[in-house]
Amino acid sequence: MTRMSLTREEVLAAAGSLVRQHGPAALTMRKLAAELGTAVTSIYWHVGNRESLLDALVERTVEELGEIRPRGRTPADRIVSVARALRRELRARPHLIAMVHERGLTERMFLPAQQALVHEVHAAGLRGARAAQAVRAVQFQVVGYVLVERNRERAPVQRPDEEELWDTGAAPAEHDPALARSLAGPVDQDRLFTDSVRALVTGLLTGSTGRP
């Protein structure tokens, strides 16, 4: 049964869901119309052709990345919250983020998160080049971490894997069995990310750059 009413936002939401699950190649006007229970002509009326639909999805993704809001009592807490939210959003829509990148809008997409970080590093007392360095360090930490996560997820099965390697008493962990057990166990990605960002932020805000 064909739907009698449909909004542009409903079309974009359904199209975005298809792309998130299966990638842009899976998005056809017929498949989208079937998903929405409407005629293909109705899709065209709301969003134009497929290229126009993809452009609209890119714009929608850019807008959604602009909705990140800092949370926490201190500038450091709020910076970490921005980093966590940005990682979550990037992880949730890899195909859409790739489309944004392909259209040359990556910097525009990251601008709201950068602006939020600028506000917090200013609140922490950083200014000028040092503030800019802090903002970029946090942004690159997030993006780099997400890329490593994706690469690990797509990597072929490792034989021997990390658990097997460290279970056999790999040096130099032979005198630190607790370390070996931890490296042989599963990785808590959320905790590792939060700990690494917090350590980075602490160093940035206290001026501890690690350089001699």
C-alpha atoms as a PDB file:
ATOM      1  CA  MET A   1       0.000   0.000   0.000  1.00  0.00           C
ATOM      2  CA  THR A   2       1.409   3.392  -1.059  1.00  0.00           C
ATOM      3  CA  ARG A   3       1.749   6.068   1.574  1.00  0.00           C
ATOM      4  CA  MET A   4      -0.384   9.156   1.010  1.00  0.00           C
ATOM      5  CA  SER A   5       1.966  11.606   2.746  1.00  0.00           C
ATOM      6  CA  LEU A   6       5.711  11.811   3.069  1.00  0.00           C
ATOM      7  CA  THR A   7       8.176  14.448   4.220  1.00  0.00           C
ATOM      8  CA  ARG A   8      11.654  15.272   2.945  1.00  0.00           C
ATOM      9  CA  GLU A   9      13.081  14.514   6.395  1.00  0.00           C
ATOM     10  CA  GLU A  10      11.541  11.018   6.349  1.00  0.00           C
ATOM     11  CA  VAL A  11      13.115  10.375   2.946  1.00  0.00           C
ATOM     12  CA  LEU A  12      16.539  11.532   4.153  1.00  0.00           C
ATOM     13  CA  ALA A  13      16.285   9.524   7.378  1.00  0.00           C
ATOM     14  CA  ALA A  14      15.437   6.324   5.483  1.00  0.00           C
ATOM     15  CA  ALA A  15      18.155   6.955   2.895  1.00  0.00           C
ATOM     16  CA  GLY A  16      20.690   7.642   5.633  1.00  0.00           C
ATOM     17  CA  SER A  17      19.762   4.394   7.366  1.00  0.00           C
ATOM     18  CA  LEU A  18      20.293   2.405   4.165  1.00  0.00           C
ATOM     19  CA  VAL A  19      23.692   4.002   3.562  1.00  0.00           C
ATOM     20  CA  ARG A  20      24.803   3.473   7.163  1.00  0.00           C
ATOM     21  CA  GLN A  21      23.930  -0.220   6.975  1.00  0.00           C
ATOM     22  CA  HIS A  22      24.988  -1.145   3.454  1.00  0.00           C
ATOM     23  CA  GLY A  23      26.964   1.721   1.915  1.00  0.00           C
ATOM     24  CA  PRO A  24      26.019   4.216  -0.827  1.00  0.00           C
ATOM     25  CA  ALA A  25      26.065   1.570  -3.581  1.00  0.00           C
ATOM     26  CA  ALA A  26      23.028  -0.076  -1.949  1.00  0.00           C
ATOM     27  CA  LEU A  27      21.001   3.130  -2.155  1.00  0.00           C
ATOM     28  CA  THR A  28      18.703   3.060  -5.165  1.00  0.00           C
ATOM     29  CA  MET A  29      15.546   5.062  -5.654  1.00  0.00           C
ATOM     30  CA  ARG A  30      13.493   1.885  -6.043  1.00  0.00           C
ATOM     31  CA  LYS A  31      14.889   0.353  -2.850  1.00  0.00           C
ATOM     32  CA  LEU A  32      14.301   3.569  -0.953  1.00  0.00           C
ATOM     33  CA  ALA A  33      10.746   3.839  -2.260  1.00  0.00           C
ATOM     34  CA  ALA A  34      10.068   0.246  -1.200  1.00  0.00           C
ATOM     35  CA  GLU A  35      11.518   0.966   2.234  1.00  0.00           C
ATOM     36  CA  LEU A  36       9.180   3.940   2.635  1.00  0.00           C
ATOM     37  CA  GLY A  37       6.167   2.259   1.067  1.00  0.00           C
ATOM     38  CA  THR A  38       5.762   4.947  -1.578  1.00  0.00           C
ATOM     39  CA  ALA A  39       6.215   5.483  -5.308  1.00  0.00           C
ATOM     40  CA  VAL A  40       9.594   6.332  -6.844  1.00  0.00           C
ATOM     41  CA  THR A  41       8.072   9.517  -8.255  1.00  0.00           C
ATOM     42  CA  SER A  42       7.349  10.666  -4.710  1.00  0.00           C
ATOM     43  CA  ILE A  43      11.044  10.287  -3.805  1.00  0.00           C
ATOM     44  CA  TYR A  44      12.037  12.386  -6.819  1.00  0.00           C
ATOM     45  CA  TRP A  45       9.503  15.037  -5.867  1.00  0.00           C
ATOM     46  CA  HIS A  46      10.977  15.422  -2.383  1.00  0.00           C
ATOM     47  CA  VAL A  47      14.722  15.165  -3.049  1.00  0.00           C
ATOM     48  CA  GLY A  48      15.348  15.193  -6.795  1.00  0.00           C
ATOM     49  CA  ASN A  49      17.529  12.565  -8.457  1.00  0.00           C
ATOM     50  CA  ARG A  50      19.958  10.192  -6.761  1.00  0.00           C
ATOM     51  CA  GLU A  51      22.903  12.608  -6.875  1.00  0.00           C
ATOM     52  CA  SER A  52      20.779  15.317  -5.295  1.00  0.00           C
ATOM     53  CA  LEU A  53      19.753  12.820  -2.627  1.00  0.00           C
ATOM     54  CA  LEU A  54      23.399  11.965  -1.887  1.00  0.00           C
ATOM     55  CA  ASP A  55      24.263  15.667  -1.685  1.00  0.00           C
ATOM     56  CA  ALA A  56      21.407  16.172   0.770  1.00  0.00           C
ATOM     57  CA  LEU A  57      22.644  13.243   2.878  1.00  0.00           C
ATOM     58  CA  VAL A  58      26.110  14.796   2.987  1.00  0.00           C
ATOM     59  CA  GLU A  59      24.672  18.131   4.137  1.00  0.00           C
ATOM     60  CA  ARG A  60      22.595  16.333   6.763  1.00  0.00           C
ATOM     61  CA  THR A  61      25.679  14.498   8.044  1.00  0.00           C
ATOM     62  CA  VAL A  62      27.627  17.759   8.302  1.00  0.00           C
ATOM     63  CA  GLU A  63      24.760  19.290  10.275  1.00  0.00           C
ATOM     64  CA  GLU A  64      24.534  16.288  12.622  1.00  0.00           C
ATOM     65  CA  LEU A  65      28.260  16.509  13.435  1.00  0.00           C
ATOM     66  CA  GLY A  66      27.587  20.132  14.389  1.00  0.00           C
ATOM     67  CA  GLU A  67      25.239  19.087  17.186  1.00  0.00           C
ATOM     68  CA  ILE A  68      28.012  17.917  19.536  1.00  0.00           C
ATOM     69  CA  ARG A  69      27.759  19.698  22.882  1.00  0.00           C
ATOM     70  CA  PRO A  70      30.425  19.663  25.630  1.00  0.00           C
ATOM     71  CA  ARG A  71      29.505  18.175  29.005  1.00  0.00           C
ATOM     72  CA  GLY A  72      31.312  18.236  32.332  1.00  0.00           C
ATOM     73  CA  ARG A  73      32.333  20.517  35.190  1.00  0.00           C
ATOM     74  CA  THR A  74      35.837  21.454  34.046  1.00  0.00           C
ATOM     75  CA  PRO A  75      37.364  22.399  30.668  1.00  0.00           C
ATOM     76  CA  ALA A  76      39.282  19.095  30.687  1.00  0.00           C
ATOM     77  CA  ASP A  77      36.095  17.103  31.296  1.00  0.00           C
ATOM     78  CA  ARG A  78      34.288  18.981  28.549  1.00  0.00           C
ATOM     79  CA  ILE A  79      37.122  18.472  26.060  1.00  0.00           C
ATOM     80  CA  VAL A  80      37.075  14.745  26.765  1.00  0.00           C
ATOM     81  CA  SER A  81      33.297  14.727  26.311  1.00  0.00           C
ATOM     82  CA  VAL A  82      33.637  16.398  22.896  1.00  0.00           C
ATOM     83  CA  ALA A  83      36.265  13.831  21.877  1.00  0.00           C
ATOM     84  CA  ARG A  84      34.061  10.935  23.029  1.00  0.00           C
ATOM     85  CA  ALA A  85      31.020  12.316  21.213  1.00  0.00           C
ATOM     86  CA  LEU A  86      32.996  12.936  18.028  1.00  0.00           C
ATOM     87  CA  ARG A  87      34.378   9.386  18.053  1.00  0.00           C
ATOM     88  CA  ARG A  88      30.869   8.009  18.623  1.00  0.00           C
ATOM     89  CA  GLU A  89      29.437   9.997  15.704  1.00  0.00           C
ATOM     90  CA  LEU A  90      32.271   9.032  13.340  1.00  0.00           C
ATOM     91  CA  ARG A  91      31.920   5.377  14.304  1.00  0.00           C
ATOM     92  CA  ALA A  92      28.152   5.433  13.794  1.00  0.00           C
ATOM     93  CA  ARG A  93      28.216   6.563  10.140  1.00  0.00           C
ATOM     94  CA  PRO A  94      31.449   5.540   8.347  1.00  0.00           C
ATOM     95  CA  HIS A  95      29.877   5.418   4.880  1.00  0.00           C
ATOM     96  CA  LEU A  96      28.329   8.858   5.255  1.00  0.00           C
ATOM     97  CA  ILE A  97      31.590  10.301   6.602  1.00  0.00           C
ATOM     98  CA  ALA A  98      33.388   8.854   3.551  1.00  0.00           C
ATOM     99  CA  MET A  99      30.867  10.612   1.311  1.00  0.00           C
ATOM    100  CA  VAL A 100      31.516  13.894   3.106  1.00  0.00           C
ATOM    101  CA  HIS A 101      35.250  13.415   2.595  1.00  0.00           C
ATOM    102  CA  GLU A 102      34.844  12.589  -1.100  1.00  0.00           C
ATOM    103  CA  ARG A 103      32.973  15.850  -1.636  1.00  0.00           C
ATOM    104  CA  GLY A 104      35.733  17.894  -0.007  1.00  0.00           C
ATOM    105  CA  LEU A 105      33.680  18.913   3.030  1.00  0.00           C
ATOM    106  CA  THR A 106      35.700  17.239   5.779  1.00  0.00           C
ATOM    107  CA  GLU A 107      37.076  20.470   7.234  1.00  0.00           C
ATOM    108  CA  ARG A 108      33.635  22.058   7.271  1.00  0.00           C
ATOM    109  CA  MET A 109      32.236  18.971   8.993  1.00  0.00           C
ATOM    110  CA  PHE A 110      34.831  19.182  11.773  1.00  0.00           C
ATOM    111  CA  LEU A 111      34.508  22.945  12.274  1.00  0.00           C
ATOM    112  CA  PRO A 112      31.743  22.838  14.959  1.00  0.00           C
ATOM    113  CA  ALA A 113      33.707  20.328  17.036  1.00  0.00           C
ATOM    114  CA  GLN A 114      36.812  22.486  16.637  1.00  0.00           C
ATOM    115  CA  GLN A 115      34.862  25.546  17.766  1.00  0.00           C
ATOM    116  CA  ALA A 116      33.644  23.686  20.851  1.00  0.00           C
ATOM    117  CA  LEU A 117      37.225  22.665  21.633  1.00  0.00           C
ATOM    118  CA  VAL A 118      38.449  26.235  21.128  1.00  0.00           C
ATOM    119  CA  HIS A 119      35.932  27.458  23.675  1.00  0.00           C
ATOM    120  CA  GLU A 120      37.165  24.935  26.234  1.00  0.00           C
ATOM    121  CA  VAL A 121      40.896  25.470  25.718  1.00  0.00           C
ATOM    122  CA  HIS A 122      40.272  29.201  26.083  1.00  0.00           C
ATOM    123  CA  ALA A 123      38.422  28.479  29.322  1.00  0.00           C
ATOM    124  CA  ALA A 124      41.508  26.536  30.457  1.00  0.00           C
ATOM    125  CA  GLY A 125      43.688  29.580  29.794  1.00  0.00           C
ATOM    126  CA  LEU A 126      45.352  28.615  26.514  1.00  0.00           C
ATOM    127  CA  ARG A 127      45.687  31.193  23.747  1.00  0.00           C
ATOM    128  CA  GLY A 128      47.189  31.579  20.298  1.00  0.00           C
ATOM    129  CA  ALA A 129      49.356  28.853  18.763  1.00  0.00           C
ATOM    130  CA  ARG A 130      49.283  26.776  21.937  1.00  0.00           C
ATOM    131  CA  ALA A 131      45.481  26.731  21.912  1.00  0.00           C
ATOM    132  CA  ALA A 132      45.428  25.819  18.217  1.00  0.00           C
ATOM    133  CA  GLN A 133      47.900  22.997  18.865  1.00  0.00           C
ATOM    134  CA  ALA A 134      45.701  21.623  21.633  1.00  0.00           C
ATOM    135  CA  VAL A 135      42.591  21.680  19.423  1.00  0.00           C
ATOM    136  CA  ARG A 136      44.366  19.890  16.585  1.00  0.00           C
ATOM    137  CA  ALA A 137      45.969  17.343  18.895  1.00  0.00           C
ATOM    138  CA  VAL A 138      42.576  16.311  20.271  1.00  0.00           C
ATOM    139  CA  GLN A 139      40.977  16.202  16.829  1.00  0.00           C
ATOM    140  CA  PHE A 140      43.792  14.115  15.340  1.00  0.00           C
ATOM    141  CA  GLN A 141      43.717  11.774  18.335  1.00  0.00           C
ATOM    142  CA  VAL A 142      40.023  11.092  17.711  1.00  0.00           C
ATOM    143  CA  VAL A 143      40.359  10.602  13.955  1.00  0.00           C
ATOM    144  CA  GLY A 144      43.490   8.479  14.297  1.00  0.00           C
ATOM    145  CA  TYR A 145      41.894   6.265  16.934  1.00  0.00           C
ATOM    146  CA  VAL A 146      38.800   5.705  14.782  1.00  0.00           C
ATOM    147  CA  LEU A 147      40.972   4.771  11.787  1.00  0.00           C
ATOM    148  CA  VAL A 148      42.937   2.263  13.884  1.00  0.00           C
ATOM    149  CA  GLU A 149      39.681   0.758  15.199  1.00  0.00           C
ATOM    150  CA  ARG A 150      38.311   0.333  11.676  1.00  0.00           C
ATOM    151  CA  ASN A 151      41.539  -1.173  10.392  1.00  0.00           C
ATOM    152  CA  ARG A 152      41.568  -3.701  13.235  1.00  0.00           C
ATOM    153  CA  GLU A 153      37.950  -4.616  12.528  1.00  0.00           C
ATOM    154  CA  ARG A 154      38.656  -5.143   8.821  1.00  0.00           C
ATOM    155  CA  ALA A 155      41.950  -6.964   9.307  1.00  0.00           C
ATOM    156  CA  PRO A 156      42.194 -10.662   8.432  1.00  0.00           C
ATOM    157  CA  VAL A 157      42.210 -13.176  11.263  1.00  0.00           C
ATOM    158  CA  GLN A 158      45.628 -13.147  12.926  1.00  0.00           C
ATOM    159  CA  ARG A 159      47.426 -16.445  13.617  1.00  0.00           C
ATOM    160  CA  PRO A 160      48.848 -16.350  16.195  1.00  0.00           C
ATOM    161  CA  ASP A 161      46.707 -13.566  17.609  1.00  0.00           C
ATOM    162  CA  GLU A 162      47.664 -11.118  20.339  1.00  0.00           C
ATOM    163  CA  GLU A 163      46.282 -13.333  23.100  1.00  0.00           C
ATOM    164  CA  GLU A 164      48.314 -16.348  21.985  1.00  0.00           C
ATOM    165  CA  LEU A 165      51.497 -14.306  21.621  1.00  0.00           C
ATOM    166  CA  TRP A 166      51.359 -12.816  25.101  1.00  0.00           C
ATOM    167  CA  ASP A 167      50.107 -16.030  26.655  1.00  0.00           C
ATOM    168  CA  THR A 168      53.419 -17.666  25.771  1.00  0.00           C
ATOM    169  CA  GLY A 169      55.413 -15.263  27.935  1.00  0.00           C
ATOM    170  CA  ALA A 170      56.631 -12.872  25.268  1.00  0.00           C
ATOM    171  CA  ALA A 171      59.626 -10.789  26.341  1.00  0.00           C
ATOM    172  CA  PRO A 172      59.994  -8.226  27.820  1.00  0.00           C
ATOM    173  CA  ALA A 173      56.869  -9.089  29.831  1.00  0.00           C
ATOM    174  CA  GLU A 174      58.422 -12.170  31.446  1.00  0.00           C
ATOM    175  CA  HIS A 175      58.991 -10.242  34.701  1.00  0.00           C
ATOM    176  CA  ASP A 176      55.551  -8.596  34.614  1.00  0.00           C
ATOM    177  CA  PRO A 177      52.932 -11.354  34.405  1.00  0.00           C
ATOM    178  CA  ALA A 178      50.095  -8.927  35.159  1.00  0.00           C
ATOM    179  CA  LEU A 179      51.043  -6.889  32.096  1.00  0.00           C
ATOM    180  CA  ALA A 180      51.180 -10.018  29.940  1.00  0.00           C
ATOM    181  CA  ARG A 181      47.743 -11.116  31.171  1.00  0.00           C
ATOM    182  CA  SER A 182      46.299  -7.714  30.357  1.00  0.00           C
ATOM    183  CA  LEU A 183      47.815  -7.628  26.862  1.00  0.00           C
ATOM    184  CA  ALA A 184      46.529 -11.146  26.261  1.00  0.00           C
ATOM    185  CA  GLY A 185      42.994 -10.131  27.208  1.00  0.00           C
ATOM    186  CA  PRO A 186      40.358  -8.249  25.220  1.00  0.00           C
ATOM    187  CA  VAL A 187      40.703  -4.504  24.700  1.00  0.00           C
ATOM    188  CA  ASP A 188      38.127  -2.208  26.275  1.00  0.00           C
ATOM    189  CA  GLN A 189      38.149   0.287  23.420  1.00  0.00           C
ATOM    190  CA  ASP A 190      35.958   2.859  25.159  1.00  0.00           C
ATOM    191  CA  ARG A 191      38.094   2.911  28.283  1.00  0.00           C
ATOM    192  CA  LEU A 192      41.358   2.951  26.321  1.00  0.00           C
ATOM    193  CA  PHE A 193      40.122   5.859  24.210  1.00  0.00           C
ATOM    194  CA  THR A 194      38.937   7.861  27.215  1.00  0.00           C
ATOM    195  CA  ASP A 195      42.148   7.227  29.159  1.00  0.00           C
ATOM    196  CA  SER A 196      44.350   8.209  26.222  1.00  0.00           C
ATOM    197  CA  VAL A 197      42.409  11.387  25.489  1.00  0.00           C
ATOM    198  CA  ARG A 198      42.348  12.373  29.151  1.00  0.00           C
ATOM    199  CA  ALA A 199      46.118  11.867  29.421  1.00  0.00           C
ATOM    200  CA  LEU A 200      46.632  13.945  26.268  1.00  0.00           C
ATOM    201  CA  VAL A 201      44.359  16.720  27.502  1.00  0.00           C
ATOM    202  CA  THR A 202      46.034  16.813  30.921  1.00  0.00           C
ATOM    203  CA  GLY A 203      49.414  17.256  29.265  1.00  0.00           C
ATOM    204  CA  LEU A 204      48.134  19.913  26.871  1.00  0.00           C
ATOM    205  CA  LEU A 205      46.404  21.983  29.530  1.00  0.00           C
ATOM    206  CA  THR A 206      49.324  21.866  31.956  1.00  0.00           C
ATOM    207  CA  GLY A 207      51.922  22.641  29.310  1.00  0.00           C
ATOM    208  CA  SER A 208      53.551  19.234  29.648  1.00  0.00           C
ATOM    209  CA  THR A 209      54.463  18.599  25.993  1.00  0.00           C
ATOM    210  CA  GLY A 210      56.945  15.830  26.620  1.00  0.00           C
ATOM    211  CA  ARG A 211      59.708  17.703  24.776  1.00  0.00           C
ATOM    212  CA  PRO A 212      63.059  18.340  26.450  1.00  0.00           C
END
